[in-house]
N, C-alpha and C. Protein backbone atom coordinates (compact mmCIF):
# COMPACT_ATOMS: atom_id res chain seq x y z
N MET A 1 133.83 101.93 55.51
CA MET A 1 133.89 102.49 56.85
C MET A 1 135.14 101.93 57.54
N ASN A 2 135.91 102.81 58.17
CA ASN A 2 137.14 102.31 58.79
C ASN A 2 136.83 101.57 60.10
N ARG A 3 137.83 100.87 60.61
CA ARG A 3 137.64 100.03 61.81
C ARG A 3 137.21 100.83 63.03
N PHE A 4 137.78 102.04 63.20
CA PHE A 4 137.44 102.86 64.35
C PHE A 4 135.95 103.20 64.35
N ARG A 5 135.44 103.67 63.21
CA ARG A 5 134.03 104.03 63.12
C ARG A 5 133.13 102.82 63.29
N LEU A 6 133.52 101.72 62.72
CA LEU A 6 132.74 100.50 62.84
C LEU A 6 132.69 100.04 64.30
N GLY A 7 133.82 100.11 64.99
CA GLY A 7 133.88 99.73 66.42
C GLY A 7 133.05 100.66 67.27
N ALA A 8 133.12 101.97 67.01
CA ALA A 8 132.33 102.94 67.76
C ALA A 8 130.85 102.73 67.54
N LEU A 9 130.46 102.47 66.29
CA LEU A 9 129.06 102.22 65.99
C LEU A 9 128.55 100.96 66.71
N ALA A 10 129.36 99.92 66.70
CA ALA A 10 128.98 98.67 67.37
C ALA A 10 128.83 98.90 68.88
N ALA A 11 129.72 99.68 69.47
CA ALA A 11 129.64 99.96 70.90
C ALA A 11 128.39 100.75 71.23
N LEU A 12 128.06 101.75 70.44
CA LEU A 12 126.86 102.55 70.68
C LEU A 12 125.60 101.70 70.54
N LEU A 13 125.55 100.88 69.54
CA LEU A 13 124.40 100.00 69.37
C LEU A 13 124.27 99.03 70.54
N GLY A 14 125.37 98.50 70.99
CA GLY A 14 125.36 97.58 72.13
C GLY A 14 124.85 98.25 73.39
N LEU A 15 125.29 99.48 73.64
CA LEU A 15 124.81 100.21 74.81
C LEU A 15 123.33 100.54 74.68
N GLY A 16 122.90 100.90 73.50
CA GLY A 16 121.50 101.22 73.28
C GLY A 16 120.61 100.02 73.53
N LEU A 17 121.03 98.86 73.09
CA LEU A 17 120.24 97.65 73.29
C LEU A 17 120.29 97.17 74.72
N ALA A 18 121.37 97.46 75.42
CA ALA A 18 121.53 96.99 76.81
C ALA A 18 120.91 97.95 77.81
N GLY A 19 120.41 99.10 77.38
CA GLY A 19 119.87 100.12 78.28
C GLY A 19 118.93 99.58 79.32
N PRO A 20 117.89 98.83 78.96
CA PRO A 20 116.95 98.34 79.97
C PRO A 20 117.60 97.44 81.01
N ALA A 21 118.67 96.77 80.68
CA ALA A 21 119.32 95.90 81.65
C ALA A 21 119.98 96.69 82.77
N PHE A 22 120.25 97.97 82.53
CA PHE A 22 120.89 98.80 83.54
C PHE A 22 119.87 99.61 84.33
N ALA A 23 118.59 99.41 84.09
CA ALA A 23 117.54 100.17 84.77
C ALA A 23 117.49 99.78 86.25
N HIS A 24 117.03 100.73 87.06
CA HIS A 24 116.85 100.49 88.48
C HIS A 24 115.38 100.53 88.81
N VAL A 25 115.01 99.85 89.87
CA VAL A 25 113.62 99.84 90.32
C VAL A 25 113.27 101.24 90.82
N HIS A 26 112.05 101.69 90.50
CA HIS A 26 111.59 103.02 90.90
C HIS A 26 110.26 102.90 91.63
N LEU A 27 110.07 103.76 92.62
CA LEU A 27 108.79 103.85 93.30
C LEU A 27 107.81 104.51 92.33
N THR A 28 106.70 103.85 92.03
CA THR A 28 105.73 104.39 91.08
C THR A 28 104.43 104.83 91.74
N SER A 29 104.16 104.32 92.95
CA SER A 29 102.94 104.72 93.66
C SER A 29 103.10 104.42 95.14
N SER A 30 102.29 105.09 95.94
CA SER A 30 102.29 104.82 97.37
C SER A 30 100.94 105.15 97.96
N VAL A 31 100.55 104.35 98.96
CA VAL A 31 99.33 104.59 99.73
C VAL A 31 99.72 104.47 101.19
N PRO A 32 99.63 105.57 101.93
CA PRO A 32 99.23 106.91 101.55
C PRO A 32 100.20 107.51 100.52
N ALA A 33 99.65 108.43 99.73
CA ALA A 33 100.44 109.08 98.69
C ALA A 33 101.38 110.12 99.29
N GLN A 34 102.43 110.42 98.54
CA GLN A 34 103.38 111.45 98.96
C GLN A 34 102.64 112.77 99.16
N ASN A 35 102.94 113.42 100.29
CA ASN A 35 102.38 114.73 100.66
C ASN A 35 100.88 114.72 100.93
N ALA A 36 100.26 113.55 101.03
CA ALA A 36 98.82 113.46 101.31
C ALA A 36 98.56 113.61 102.80
N THR A 37 97.37 114.11 103.13
CA THR A 37 96.89 114.12 104.50
C THR A 37 95.77 113.11 104.57
N VAL A 38 95.92 112.12 105.48
CA VAL A 38 95.02 110.98 105.52
C VAL A 38 94.66 110.63 106.96
N ALA A 39 93.64 109.76 107.11
CA ALA A 39 93.39 109.13 108.40
C ALA A 39 94.50 108.10 108.62
N ALA A 40 94.76 107.73 109.85
CA ALA A 40 95.84 106.79 110.15
C ALA A 40 95.66 105.49 109.36
N PRO A 41 96.61 105.13 108.51
CA PRO A 41 96.48 103.91 107.71
C PRO A 41 96.80 102.67 108.54
N SER A 42 96.20 101.55 108.17
CA SER A 42 96.51 100.28 108.83
C SER A 42 97.66 99.56 108.13
N ALA A 43 97.97 100.01 106.91
CA ALA A 43 99.08 99.43 106.14
C ALA A 43 99.57 100.47 105.13
N LEU A 44 100.82 100.31 104.72
CA LEU A 44 101.38 101.13 103.65
C LEU A 44 101.59 100.23 102.45
N ARG A 45 101.32 100.76 101.25
CA ARG A 45 101.48 100.02 100.00
C ARG A 45 102.37 100.84 99.09
N LEU A 46 103.52 100.29 98.75
CA LEU A 46 104.45 100.97 97.87
C LEU A 46 104.57 100.18 96.58
N GLY A 47 104.22 100.79 95.46
CA GLY A 47 104.28 100.14 94.16
C GLY A 47 105.59 100.48 93.46
N PHE A 48 106.20 99.49 92.84
CA PHE A 48 107.49 99.67 92.18
C PHE A 48 107.42 99.27 90.70
N SER A 49 108.38 99.74 89.95
CA SER A 49 108.41 99.54 88.50
C SER A 49 108.85 98.15 88.08
N GLU A 50 109.38 97.36 89.00
CA GLU A 50 109.88 96.02 88.68
C GLU A 50 109.56 95.07 89.83
N GLY A 51 109.71 93.78 89.57
CA GLY A 51 109.56 92.78 90.61
C GLY A 51 110.61 92.96 91.69
N LEU A 52 110.25 92.68 92.93
CA LEU A 52 111.13 92.92 94.08
C LEU A 52 111.62 91.62 94.71
N ASP A 53 112.78 91.71 95.35
CA ASP A 53 113.30 90.64 96.19
C ASP A 53 112.98 91.04 97.62
N LEU A 54 112.00 90.39 98.22
CA LEU A 54 111.49 90.78 99.54
C LEU A 54 112.56 90.69 100.63
N ARG A 55 113.53 89.80 100.47
CA ARG A 55 114.56 89.64 101.51
C ARG A 55 115.35 90.92 101.75
N PHE A 56 115.47 91.78 100.74
CA PHE A 56 116.29 92.98 100.86
C PHE A 56 115.50 94.24 100.54
N THR A 57 114.19 94.17 100.70
CA THR A 57 113.31 95.31 100.43
C THR A 57 112.53 95.60 101.71
N GLY A 58 112.39 96.87 102.06
CA GLY A 58 111.65 97.20 103.26
C GLY A 58 111.51 98.69 103.46
N ILE A 59 110.86 99.05 104.56
CA ILE A 59 110.64 100.45 104.90
C ILE A 59 110.91 100.67 106.38
N GLU A 60 111.12 101.93 106.71
CA GLU A 60 111.14 102.38 108.10
C GLU A 60 110.31 103.65 108.14
N VAL A 61 109.37 103.69 109.05
CA VAL A 61 108.48 104.84 109.19
C VAL A 61 108.83 105.56 110.47
N THR A 62 109.04 106.87 110.38
CA THR A 62 109.29 107.67 111.59
C THR A 62 108.17 108.69 111.74
N GLY A 63 107.79 108.90 112.98
CA GLY A 63 106.66 109.79 113.28
C GLY A 63 107.07 111.20 113.58
N PRO A 64 106.08 112.01 113.98
CA PRO A 64 106.33 113.42 114.25
C PRO A 64 107.37 113.66 115.34
N ASP A 65 107.50 112.71 116.26
CA ASP A 65 108.47 112.85 117.35
C ASP A 65 109.84 112.26 116.99
N GLY A 66 109.97 111.74 115.77
CA GLY A 66 111.24 111.15 115.34
C GLY A 66 111.40 109.69 115.71
N ALA A 67 110.42 109.12 116.42
CA ALA A 67 110.49 107.72 116.82
C ALA A 67 110.06 106.82 115.66
N VAL A 68 110.65 105.63 115.61
CA VAL A 68 110.29 104.65 114.58
C VAL A 68 108.93 104.05 114.93
N VAL A 69 108.05 103.99 113.94
CA VAL A 69 106.72 103.42 114.10
C VAL A 69 106.81 101.90 113.93
N PRO A 70 106.26 101.13 114.87
CA PRO A 70 106.28 99.67 114.71
C PRO A 70 105.46 99.23 113.49
N THR A 71 106.03 98.30 112.73
CA THR A 71 105.34 97.73 111.57
C THR A 71 105.43 96.21 111.63
N GLY A 72 104.53 95.56 110.91
CA GLY A 72 104.53 94.10 110.85
C GLY A 72 105.40 93.61 109.70
N ASP A 73 105.31 92.32 109.45
CA ASP A 73 106.10 91.71 108.38
C ASP A 73 105.59 92.16 107.02
N ALA A 74 106.51 92.57 106.17
CA ALA A 74 106.17 93.01 104.82
C ALA A 74 105.84 91.80 103.94
N THR A 75 104.94 92.03 103.00
CA THR A 75 104.60 91.02 101.99
C THR A 75 104.59 91.70 100.63
N LEU A 76 104.53 90.88 99.58
CA LEU A 76 104.40 91.39 98.22
C LEU A 76 103.04 91.00 97.65
N ASP A 77 102.51 91.82 96.77
CA ASP A 77 101.29 91.45 96.07
C ASP A 77 101.61 90.31 95.10
N PRO A 78 100.60 89.67 94.52
CA PRO A 78 100.85 88.53 93.63
C PRO A 78 101.78 88.85 92.44
N ALA A 79 101.76 90.08 91.95
CA ALA A 79 102.64 90.46 90.84
C ALA A 79 104.08 90.65 91.29
N GLY A 80 104.29 90.80 92.60
CA GLY A 80 105.64 90.98 93.13
C GLY A 80 106.19 92.38 92.98
N THR A 81 105.31 93.35 92.68
CA THR A 81 105.78 94.72 92.47
C THR A 81 105.28 95.70 93.52
N THR A 82 104.38 95.27 94.39
CA THR A 82 103.85 96.15 95.44
C THR A 82 104.21 95.59 96.80
N LEU A 83 104.89 96.41 97.59
CA LEU A 83 105.27 96.06 98.95
C LEU A 83 104.14 96.48 99.88
N ILE A 84 103.67 95.57 100.71
CA ILE A 84 102.58 95.84 101.64
C ILE A 84 103.12 95.65 103.05
N VAL A 85 103.04 96.72 103.86
CA VAL A 85 103.59 96.69 105.21
C VAL A 85 102.51 97.12 106.21
N PRO A 86 102.07 96.21 107.07
CA PRO A 86 101.08 96.59 108.07
C PRO A 86 101.69 97.52 109.12
N VAL A 87 100.90 98.47 109.56
CA VAL A 87 101.31 99.38 110.63
C VAL A 87 100.73 98.84 111.92
N THR A 88 101.60 98.49 112.87
CA THR A 88 101.12 97.91 114.13
C THR A 88 101.13 98.90 115.28
N GLY A 89 101.79 100.03 115.10
CA GLY A 89 101.83 101.05 116.14
C GLY A 89 100.78 102.12 115.89
N ALA A 90 100.51 102.90 116.92
CA ALA A 90 99.56 104.01 116.81
C ALA A 90 100.18 105.13 115.97
N LEU A 91 99.33 105.83 115.22
CA LEU A 91 99.80 106.94 114.40
C LEU A 91 99.03 108.20 114.78
N PRO A 92 99.52 108.95 115.80
CA PRO A 92 98.85 110.20 116.14
C PRO A 92 99.03 111.22 115.01
N ALA A 93 98.25 112.27 115.05
CA ALA A 93 98.30 113.30 114.02
C ALA A 93 99.71 113.87 113.88
N GLY A 94 100.08 114.15 112.64
CA GLY A 94 101.37 114.77 112.35
C GLY A 94 102.01 114.17 111.12
N PRO A 95 103.20 114.68 110.78
CA PRO A 95 103.90 114.20 109.58
C PRO A 95 104.69 112.91 109.84
N TYR A 96 104.71 112.04 108.83
CA TYR A 96 105.43 110.77 108.90
C TYR A 96 106.34 110.66 107.69
N THR A 97 107.54 110.15 107.93
CA THR A 97 108.49 109.93 106.84
C THR A 97 108.64 108.44 106.61
N VAL A 98 108.54 108.04 105.35
CA VAL A 98 108.72 106.65 104.96
C VAL A 98 110.04 106.55 104.21
N ASP A 99 111.02 105.89 104.81
CA ASP A 99 112.30 105.62 104.15
C ASP A 99 112.21 104.21 103.59
N TRP A 100 112.42 104.06 102.28
CA TRP A 100 112.31 102.74 101.67
C TRP A 100 113.60 102.36 100.96
N ARG A 101 113.77 101.06 100.85
CA ARG A 101 114.89 100.49 100.09
C ARG A 101 114.32 99.31 99.32
N ALA A 102 114.76 99.15 98.09
CA ALA A 102 114.20 98.09 97.26
C ALA A 102 115.31 97.43 96.46
N LEU A 103 115.24 96.11 96.41
CA LEU A 103 116.13 95.32 95.56
C LEU A 103 115.26 94.67 94.50
N SER A 104 115.54 94.99 93.24
CA SER A 104 114.77 94.38 92.16
C SER A 104 115.25 92.96 91.91
N LYS A 105 114.43 92.20 91.23
CA LYS A 105 114.77 90.80 90.91
C LYS A 105 116.05 90.71 90.08
N ASP A 106 116.39 91.78 89.33
CA ASP A 106 117.62 91.74 88.52
C ASP A 106 118.84 92.20 89.31
N GLY A 107 118.68 92.47 90.62
CA GLY A 107 119.82 92.75 91.47
C GLY A 107 120.17 94.21 91.69
N HIS A 108 119.39 95.14 91.14
CA HIS A 108 119.68 96.56 91.34
C HIS A 108 118.95 97.09 92.57
N THR A 109 119.65 97.89 93.37
CA THR A 109 119.05 98.47 94.57
C THR A 109 118.78 99.95 94.37
N THR A 110 117.74 100.41 95.05
CA THR A 110 117.37 101.82 95.04
C THR A 110 116.82 102.14 96.42
N LYS A 111 116.92 103.39 96.80
CA LYS A 111 116.31 103.81 98.06
C LYS A 111 115.76 105.21 97.89
N GLY A 112 114.88 105.57 98.79
CA GLY A 112 114.29 106.90 98.74
C GLY A 112 113.42 107.13 99.96
N SER A 113 112.71 108.23 99.95
CA SER A 113 111.80 108.53 101.05
C SER A 113 110.70 109.45 100.57
N TYR A 114 109.63 109.48 101.34
CA TYR A 114 108.55 110.43 101.08
C TYR A 114 107.84 110.70 102.40
N VAL A 115 106.99 111.72 102.40
CA VAL A 115 106.30 112.16 103.62
C VAL A 115 104.79 112.14 103.37
N PHE A 116 104.05 111.72 104.38
CA PHE A 116 102.60 111.89 104.39
C PHE A 116 102.22 112.40 105.78
N THR A 117 101.02 112.90 105.91
CA THR A 117 100.56 113.46 107.18
C THR A 117 99.29 112.76 107.62
N VAL A 118 99.23 112.44 108.91
CA VAL A 118 98.00 111.92 109.50
C VAL A 118 97.26 113.13 110.06
N GLY A 119 96.03 113.31 109.60
CA GLY A 119 95.23 114.45 110.04
C GLY A 119 94.62 114.22 111.41
N PRO A 120 94.14 115.30 112.00
CA PRO A 120 93.51 115.20 113.34
C PRO A 120 92.19 114.45 113.29
């Protein structure tokens, strides 16, 4: 095998083995769930695919009127993969948007959003 092919093969194998190191944290679950209609929750729970760095992970919740909903200090579950955020403000009926940002323990950041509805 010539040097070019050997080098290309080595590079491909290296990238294949390094794939998981380039992974980003992903939202895997949420309570309330995306697009769900629920009674006003006292806390939001966002589950992620990897351990989180709480210092740079958080959410902002906006209500039907576009105002930011007051929340308490976020915590992590014992596994470090679920963000728990108490809701300290009132949640009248209507749609709510949860904008989240997460920093995994390996230093990769991700952000996203989802919507849930508080029923009457």
